[in-house]
Protein backbone atom coordinates (compact mmCIF):
# COMPACT_ATOMS: atom_id res chain seq x y z
CA MET A 1 0.02 0.04 0.03
CA ALA A 2 1.34 3.45 -0.94
CA LYS A 3 2.61 5.51 1.99
CA GLN A 4 0.78 8.69 2.81
CA TYR A 5 2.56 11.81 4.02
CA ARG A 6 1.65 15.41 5.07
CA LYS A 7 1.11 17.68 2.05
CA PRO A 8 4.26 20.02 1.86
CA THR A 9 1.93 23.14 2.19
CA ASN A 10 1.01 22.03 5.75
CA GLU A 11 -2.62 22.77 4.87
CA VAL A 12 -4.86 22.27 7.99
CA THR A 13 -8.28 20.90 6.67
CA VAL A 14 -10.25 20.58 9.95
CA ILE A 15 -9.87 21.18 13.68
CA TYR A 16 -11.55 19.14 16.32
CA GLY A 17 -11.59 20.94 19.72
CA GLY A 18 -13.41 22.96 22.42
CA ARG A 19 -16.04 21.37 24.66
CA SER A 20 -19.79 20.92 24.14
CA PRO A 21 -22.53 18.64 25.58
CA ALA A 22 -21.99 16.29 22.54
CA GLY A 23 -18.06 16.33 22.88
CA ARG A 24 -15.52 18.11 20.79
CA ASP A 25 -16.66 20.57 18.08
CA THR A 26 -15.73 20.52 14.47
CA LEU A 27 -14.12 23.84 13.79
CA ASN A 28 -13.17 25.68 10.62
CA PRO A 29 -9.41 26.36 10.43
CA LYS A 30 -10.04 29.85 9.06
CA ASP A 31 -11.89 30.68 12.24
CA VAL A 32 -9.33 29.17 14.61
CA LEU A 33 -6.08 30.07 12.82
CA PRO A 34 -6.46 33.71 11.62
CA ASN A 35 -3.79 35.63 9.69
CA GLY A 36 -1.60 32.70 8.95
CA MET A 37 -1.38 31.39 12.56
CA THR A 38 0.03 27.92 12.79
CA ALA A 39 -1.32 25.09 14.91
CA LYS A 40 1.66 25.24 17.11
CA GLN A 41 1.16 29.02 17.69
CA HIS A 42 -2.48 28.45 18.43
CA CYS A 43 -1.69 25.76 21.04
CA GLU A 44 1.09 27.87 22.64
CA LYS A 45 -1.45 30.72 22.97
CA LEU A 46 -3.94 28.41 24.78
CA ILE A 47 -1.20 27.01 27.08
CA ALA A 48 -0.32 30.58 28.10
CA GLU A 49 -3.96 31.21 28.98
CA ARG A 50 -4.00 28.08 31.13
CA GLY A 51 -0.99 29.28 33.21
CA GLY A 52 1.66 27.69 31.06
CA LYS A 53 0.43 24.11 31.61
CA GLY A 54 0.17 21.89 28.47
CA ARG A 55 2.10 20.83 25.47
CA PHE A 56 2.06 20.64 21.75
CA ILE A 57 2.49 17.29 20.06
CA GLU A 58 3.71 17.77 16.46
CA LYS A 59 2.97 14.88 14.10
CA ASN A 60 1.10 12.76 16.57
CA SER A 61 0.46 11.02 13.22
CA GLU A 62 1.04 12.07 9.56
CA LEU A 63 -2.60 13.21 9.76
CA GLU A 64 -2.68 15.27 12.95
CA ASP A 65 -1.00 17.55 15.50
CA VAL A 66 -2.44 17.54 19.06
CA CYS A 67 -2.74 20.35 21.75
CA MET A 68 -2.60 18.82 25.18
CA LEU A 69 -4.05 21.23 27.75
CA HIS A 70 -4.41 21.31 31.54
CA SER A 71 -8.04 20.99 32.83
CA CYS A 72 -9.71 20.61 36.22
CA SER A 73 -13.14 19.05 36.51
CA TYR A 74 -16.08 20.38 38.46
CA PHE A 75 -15.90 17.42 40.90
CA GLY A 76 -12.16 17.99 41.56
CA GLY A 77 -9.05 16.51 40.08
CA CYS A 78 -6.93 18.00 37.33
CA TYR A 79 -5.52 16.28 34.31
CA GLU A 80 -3.93 16.78 30.83
CA ALA A 81 -6.07 16.06 27.85
CA ALA A 82 -6.05 16.35 24.07
CA GLU A 83 -8.41 19.34 23.74
CA TYR A 84 -7.57 20.32 20.10
CA SER A 85 -6.75 18.10 17.11
CA TYR A 86 -5.44 19.63 13.89
CA HIS A 87 -5.95 17.54 10.85
CA TYR A 88 -3.87 18.07 7.68
CA ALA A 89 -4.16 17.37 4.04
CA LEU A 90 -2.29 14.27 3.02
CA CYS A 91 -0.51 13.21 -0.18
CA THR A 92 0.19 9.62 -1.31
CA GLU A 93 3.46 8.38 -2.69
CA ILE A 94 3.15 7.70 -6.51
CA GLU A 95 2.93 4.13 -7.56
CA PHE A 96 2.43 2.53 -10.94
CA THR A 97 0.69 -0.57 -12.36
CA ALA A 98 1.14 -1.56 -15.92
CA THR A 99 -0.40 -3.84 -18.51
CA LEU A 100 1.22 -5.21 -21.62
CA ASN A 101 -1.47 -6.24 -24.24
CA SER A 102 -4.02 -6.16 -21.45
CA LYS A 103 -2.07 -8.39 -19.12
CA ALA A 104 -0.33 -7.19 -15.87
CA THR A 105 3.43 -6.71 -16.41
CA THR A 106 6.55 -5.66 -14.55
CA ALA A 107 9.16 -2.96 -14.96
CA LYS A 108 11.70 -5.60 -16.02
CA GLU A 109 9.39 -6.76 -18.86
CA LEU A 110 8.71 -3.24 -19.94
CA ALA A 111 12.49 -2.68 -20.44
CA ALA A 112 12.66 -5.73 -22.83
CA LEU A 113 9.89 -5.37 -25.34
CA GLN A 114 9.64 -6.68 -28.95
CA GLY A 115 7.85 -3.64 -30.37
CA GLY A 116 4.20 -3.38 -31.35
CA GLU A 117 2.77 -4.05 -27.94
CA ARG A 118 0.04 -2.04 -26.39
CA VAL A 119 1.25 -0.56 -23.08
CA ILE A 120 -0.87 1.07 -20.39
CA ILE A 121 0.83 2.70 -17.41
CA THR A 122 -1.63 3.58 -14.59
CA ALA A 123 -0.79 5.87 -11.58
CA ASN A 124 -2.58 5.69 -8.23
CA GLN A 125 -3.48 9.27 -8.32
CA ASP A 126 -3.83 12.34 -10.55
CA VAL A 127 -0.51 13.13 -12.07
CA THR A 128 0.99 15.19 -14.85
CA TRP A 129 2.70 12.97 -17.47
CA SER A 130 5.82 13.62 -19.58
CA ALA A 131 7.94 11.40 -21.79
CA ASN A 132 11.29 11.84 -23.65
CA ASP A 133 11.00 11.55 -27.40
CA ASN A 134 7.32 10.78 -27.06
CA LYS A 135 6.64 11.70 -30.71
CA LYS A 136 8.05 8.28 -31.68
CA LEU A 137 5.44 6.46 -29.52
CA GLU A 138 2.33 5.31 -31.46
CA LYS A 139 -1.33 5.80 -30.75
CA VAL A 140 -0.64 7.79 -27.49
CA SER A 141 -3.63 8.44 -25.14
CA ILE A 142 -3.16 10.36 -21.90
CA ASN A 143 -5.40 11.35 -19.00
CA SER A 144 -4.84 12.26 -15.43
CA THR A 145 -4.03 8.73 -14.33
CA THR A 146 -3.14 6.81 -17.36
CA TYR A 147 -0.58 6.88 -20.22
CA SER A 148 -1.28 4.33 -23.00
CA PHE A 149 0.62 3.85 -26.26
CA THR A 150 1.73 1.27 -28.80
CA MET A 151 5.41 0.53 -28.61
CA PRO A 152 7.43 1.28 -31.80
CA LYS A 153 9.77 -1.41 -33.27
CA ALA A 154 12.92 0.31 -31.76
CA GLY A 155 13.82 2.75 -29.06
CA SER A 156 13.91 3.42 -25.32
CA PHE A 157 11.59 5.86 -23.58
CA THR A 158 11.21 7.15 -20.05
CA LEU A 159 7.76 8.09 -18.80
CA LYS A 160 7.58 10.44 -15.79
CA ALA A 161 4.59 11.11 -13.57
CA THR A 162 4.71 14.27 -11.47
CA GLY A 163 2.23 14.62 -8.59
CA LYS A 164 -0.50 17.14 -8.46
CA CYS A 165 -0.98 16.90 -4.71
CA ASP A 166 2.87 17.27 -4.27
CA PRO A 167 4.41 18.79 -7.42
CA LYS A 168 7.91 17.87 -6.12
CA ALA A 169 7.04 14.15 -5.99
CA SER A 170 7.61 12.09 -9.18
CA LYS A 171 8.16 8.49 -10.41
CA SER A 172 9.57 7.22 -13.72
CA VAL A 173 9.53 4.06 -15.69
CA THR A 174 11.58 3.12 -18.75
CA VAL A 175 10.04 1.19 -21.67
CA ALA A 176 12.47 -0.14 -24.31
CA VAL A 177 12.71 -2.58 -27.11
CA LYS A 178 15.17 -5.31 -26.33
CA THR A 179 18.28 -5.43 -28.52
CA THR A 180 20.16 -8.45 -29.36
CA THR A 181 23.94 -8.08 -29.50
CA LYS A 182 25.83 -10.64 -31.47
CA PRO A 183 29.09 -11.56 -29.95
CA THR A 184 32.04 -10.26 -31.96
CA LYS A 185 35.30 -12.15 -32.32
CA PRO A 186 38.35 -10.33 -31.00
CA THR A 187 40.65 -9.20 -33.78
CA ASN A 188 43.72 -10.55 -31.96
CA THR A 189 44.14 -13.60 -29.96
CA PHE A 190 44.63 -12.72 -26.23
CA ASN A 191 47.59 -14.57 -24.66
CA GLY A 192 47.55 -12.81 -21.28
CA PHE A 193 49.01 -9.59 -20.09
CA GLY A 194 52.48 -10.94 -19.18
CA THR A 195 54.18 -11.14 -15.85
CA GLU A 196 54.96 -7.44 -15.68
CA MET A 197 51.46 -6.22 -16.31
CA ASP A 198 49.91 -8.90 -14.07
CA LYS A 199 52.10 -7.52 -11.26
CA TYR A 200 51.01 -3.91 -11.83
CA ILE A 201 47.37 -4.91 -12.02
CA HIS A 202 47.57 -6.78 -8.73
CA GLU A 203 49.38 -3.85 -7.07
CA ALA A 204 46.86 -1.25 -8.26
CA ALA A 205 43.80 -3.37 -7.20
CA THR A 206 45.23 -4.02 -3.81
CA LYS A 207 46.27 -0.46 -3.22
CA PHE A 208 42.80 1.00 -4.12
CA ASN A 209 40.68 -1.82 -2.85
CA MET A 210 39.32 -2.73 -6.35
CA ASP A 211 38.25 -6.20 -7.46
CA GLU A 212 41.35 -7.43 -9.38
CA LYS A 213 39.19 -9.24 -11.94
CA VAL A 214 37.26 -5.99 -12.68
CA LEU A 215 40.51 -4.11 -13.15
CA ARG A 216 41.77 -6.90 -15.53
CA GLY A 217 38.62 -6.44 -17.58
CA PHE A 218 39.28 -2.69 -17.75
CA ILE A 219 42.83 -3.11 -19.03
CA LYS A 220 41.82 -5.87 -21.52
CA MET A 221 38.88 -3.73 -22.89
CA GLU A 222 41.02 -0.61 -23.26
CA ASP A 223 43.80 -2.55 -25.00
CA GLY A 224 46.23 0.15 -24.17
CA TRP A 225 49.01 -1.84 -22.44
CA THR A 226 50.25 -2.72 -25.87
CA GLY A 227 51.00 0.93 -26.77
CA LYS A 228 47.77 1.61 -28.57
CA ILE A 229 46.64 5.27 -29.11
CA SER A 230 42.94 5.91 -29.59
CA PRO A 231 41.52 8.36 -32.01
CA THR A 232 40.87 10.80 -29.19
CA GLY A 233 44.63 10.65 -28.18
CA ALA A 234 44.20 8.49 -25.21
CA THR A 235 46.99 6.10 -24.38
CA GLY A 236 48.32 3.69 -21.73
CA PRO A 237 46.69 0.72 -19.98
CA GLY A 238 43.69 2.84 -18.93
CA GLN A 239 43.54 4.78 -22.13
CA PHE A 240 43.62 8.22 -20.50
CA THR A 241 43.09 11.34 -22.50
CA GLU A 242 45.42 14.26 -21.81
CA LYS A 243 42.59 16.22 -19.98
CA THR A 244 41.57 13.41 -17.72
CA TRP A 245 45.14 12.34 -16.90
CA ASN A 246 46.03 15.95 -15.87
CA HIS A 247 42.92 16.33 -13.90
CA VAL A 248 43.61 13.18 -11.85
CA ALA A 249 47.36 14.03 -11.66
CA THR A 250 46.79 17.59 -10.26
CA ASP A 251 43.40 17.79 -8.44
CA LYS A 252 43.61 17.60 -4.72
CA GLN A 253 40.73 15.16 -4.46
CA PHE A 254 42.78 12.55 -6.26
CA ASN A 255 46.36 13.38 -5.21
CA GLY A 256 47.70 11.62 -8.21
CA SER A 257 51.24 12.93 -7.59
CA THR A 258 51.39 10.45 -4.56
CA ILE A 259 51.45 7.50 -7.14
CA GLY A 260 53.95 9.24 -9.38
CA MET A 261 51.57 10.94 -11.78
CA MET A 262 53.11 13.83 -13.72
CA PRO A 263 51.24 16.28 -16.01
CA VAL A 264 51.23 15.77 -19.79
CA THR A 265 52.66 18.83 -21.39
CA ALA A 266 53.31 20.02 -24.92
CA GLN A 267 56.89 19.02 -24.60
CA ASN A 268 56.25 15.35 -23.54
CA ARG A 269 52.84 14.63 -25.19
CA ASN A 270 52.97 11.43 -27.35
CA THR A 271 56.74 11.16 -26.88
CA PRO A 272 58.59 8.33 -25.11
CA ASN A 273 58.47 10.68 -22.01
CA ASP A 274 54.75 10.99 -22.00
CA PRO A 275 53.85 10.09 -18.41
CA ARG A 276 50.86 8.03 -19.48
CA ARG A 277 53.20 5.55 -21.12
CA ASN A 278 54.54 4.43 -17.75
CA LEU A 279 52.62 1.14 -17.57
CA ARG A 280 52.76 0.85 -13.71
CA ILE A 281 51.68 4.47 -13.03
CA ASN A 282 48.90 4.30 -15.63
CA THR A 283 47.57 1.15 -14.06
CA LEU A 284 47.60 2.61 -10.61
CA ALA A 285 45.79 5.73 -11.98
CA THR A 286 43.16 3.48 -13.53
CA ALA A 287 42.32 1.97 -10.13
CA LEU A 288 42.51 5.40 -8.42
CA TYR A 289 39.92 6.69 -10.87
CA ALA A 290 37.73 3.70 -10.41
CA GLN A 291 37.83 4.14 -6.61
CA TYR A 292 36.52 7.71 -7.14
CA HIS A 293 33.70 6.45 -9.52
CA ALA A 294 32.77 3.77 -6.97
CA LYS A 295 31.92 6.50 -4.43
CA ILE A 296 29.71 8.34 -6.93
CA LEU A 297 27.77 5.05 -7.70
CA LYS A 298 27.23 4.44 -3.99
CA ASN A 299 26.04 8.01 -3.35
CA LYS A 300 23.64 7.68 -6.25
CA GLY A 301 22.29 4.34 -4.98
CA LEU A 302 23.67 2.44 -8.07
CA GLU A 303 25.40 -0.89 -8.08
CA VAL A 304 29.22 -0.72 -7.93
CA SER A 305 29.72 -3.36 -10.60
CA GLY A 306 32.44 -3.81 -13.07
CA VAL A 307 30.20 -2.80 -15.97
CA ASN A 308 29.07 0.45 -14.24
CA LEU A 309 32.64 1.35 -13.23
CA TYR A 310 33.83 0.79 -16.76
CA LEU A 311 30.94 2.88 -18.25
CA MET A 312 32.03 5.80 -16.12
CA HIS A 313 35.69 5.29 -17.09
CA ASN A 314 34.67 5.07 -20.81
CA VAL A 315 32.20 7.98 -21.18
CA GLY A 316 32.17 9.90 -17.92
CA GLN A 317 30.34 9.98 -14.70
CA SER A 318 27.17 11.51 -16.31
CA VAL A 319 26.42 8.05 -17.65
CA THR A 320 24.74 7.58 -14.22
CA ASP A 321 21.80 9.57 -15.83
CA VAL A 322 21.14 6.76 -18.26
CA LEU A 323 21.64 4.12 -15.56
CA GLN A 324 18.88 5.85 -13.49
CA GLY A 325 16.59 6.12 -16.59
CA LYS A 326 17.09 9.79 -17.05
CA THR A 327 17.78 11.66 -20.34
CA ALA A 328 21.31 11.69 -21.60
CA SER A 329 22.90 15.12 -21.95
CA PRO A 330 24.29 16.33 -25.28
CA ALA A 331 27.79 16.17 -23.78
CA LEU A 332 27.22 12.51 -22.72
CA ILE A 333 25.86 11.58 -26.21
CA LYS A 334 28.92 13.16 -27.75
CA ALA A 335 31.22 11.05 -25.51
CA MET A 336 29.30 7.95 -26.58
CA GLN A 337 29.62 8.91 -30.24
CA GLN A 338 33.45 9.26 -29.71
CA ASN A 339 33.39 5.71 -28.33
CA ASN A 340 31.72 4.02 -31.32
CA MET A 341 28.05 4.75 -30.66
CA LYS A 342 26.12 3.35 -33.66
CA ALA A 343 23.77 5.44 -35.87
CA ASN A 344 20.26 5.49 -34.43
CA GLU A 345 21.46 3.82 -31.23
CA THR A 346 19.81 5.24 -28.06
CA PRO A 347 21.99 5.93 -24.97
CA ALA A 348 20.33 2.93 -23.18
CA GLN A 349 21.22 0.73 -26.03
CA PHE A 350 24.77 2.02 -26.16
CA VAL A 351 25.18 1.31 -22.40
CA LYS A 352 23.82 -2.19 -22.77
CA ARG A 353 26.11 -2.97 -25.77
CA GLN A 354 29.23 -1.51 -24.15
CA GLY A 355 28.40 -3.46 -21.04
CA ASP A 356 28.17 -6.69 -22.91
CA ILE A 357 31.44 -6.03 -24.67
CA TYR A 358 33.20 -5.24 -21.34
CA MET A 359 31.81 -8.54 -19.91
CA ARG A 360 33.39 -10.49 -22.78
CA HIS A 361 36.72 -8.91 -22.18
CA TYR A 362 36.26 -9.55 -18.45
CA ARG A 363 35.79 -13.23 -19.07
CA GLU A 364 38.85 -13.39 -21.41
CA ALA A 365 41.12 -11.47 -19.08
CA ASN A 366 40.20 -13.75 -16.22
CA ASP A 367 40.45 -17.03 -17.97
CA PRO A 368 42.10 -19.44 -15.67
CA LYS A 369 44.92 -19.97 -18.23
CA PHE A 370 46.01 -16.36 -17.38
CA PHE A 371 44.66 -15.56 -13.96
CA LYS A 372 44.02 -17.75 -10.92
């Protein structure tokens, strides 16, 4: 059952209080709380009138505040009683139900559609709907509680419901056509990193508390320990661009200099003295950078997995927007395009494909023939 909570405006809808032969009266808040007076201020005024005896109970429940006042009966005896109860307007957390071709479905199934299905998303209250790229959705029908459409043959879309009771409350769901990625054969046969690189990877993983298998997958995927330079100028085991390398080397939050990182300059760039070509230091820097990304994933409530860490290393930390079902920024899409994003491929599809490729490299790098 969806949780209810007090409306952010703290709107008092009714007050029960005072004494009458039939019990407490039902009072109009406008009569009891003039000129913007709060429930607490009203109670404190009554307490003062009773000689300072009484207390205000804020949020006796989500529904009400209570004013406890000191009273004495005609027959003798004094006591504290709840004399006024202030009831508030409540909002309900947004929840969804969904059907797929008239059958109940789940968020997991909605993220792996075939295309052509009739989808109906229903909210448990009146909301305002929005969707990214909704012009590509077919036969769209929207009202205050439902958003229905026919899924196109390709694409990924995020539907968002914003509350009317609480405009700051929202909930999103992603619907996407499942893509099938055919495994590609590596262009070169992998025969292990060699004793030297194995030693550097082990050192880096240990120093920065990183899963050694995940780091091996990074190095294998980037393919930079062989001396490769990417079209963006990235080089070394972690394939660092000059901008990223210098950021990690000089920014105080990384303290890259403590592991021997030196800035890339116009004099040493792409020469034998380019600091990124130091296999040991570049491998250490790769693990250091992953440690930083792990903290970001934790703070955003995302899984600290090898795939998510690699995606952040590959296209930047804003990829967390896509991992959370949000819209990718133009800068993120540009980074994806620089990393072989296919024509007409959505950000979600790119993330899925890159993740699959990384896992293939992960398995190859950690084959028992090369790592035990």
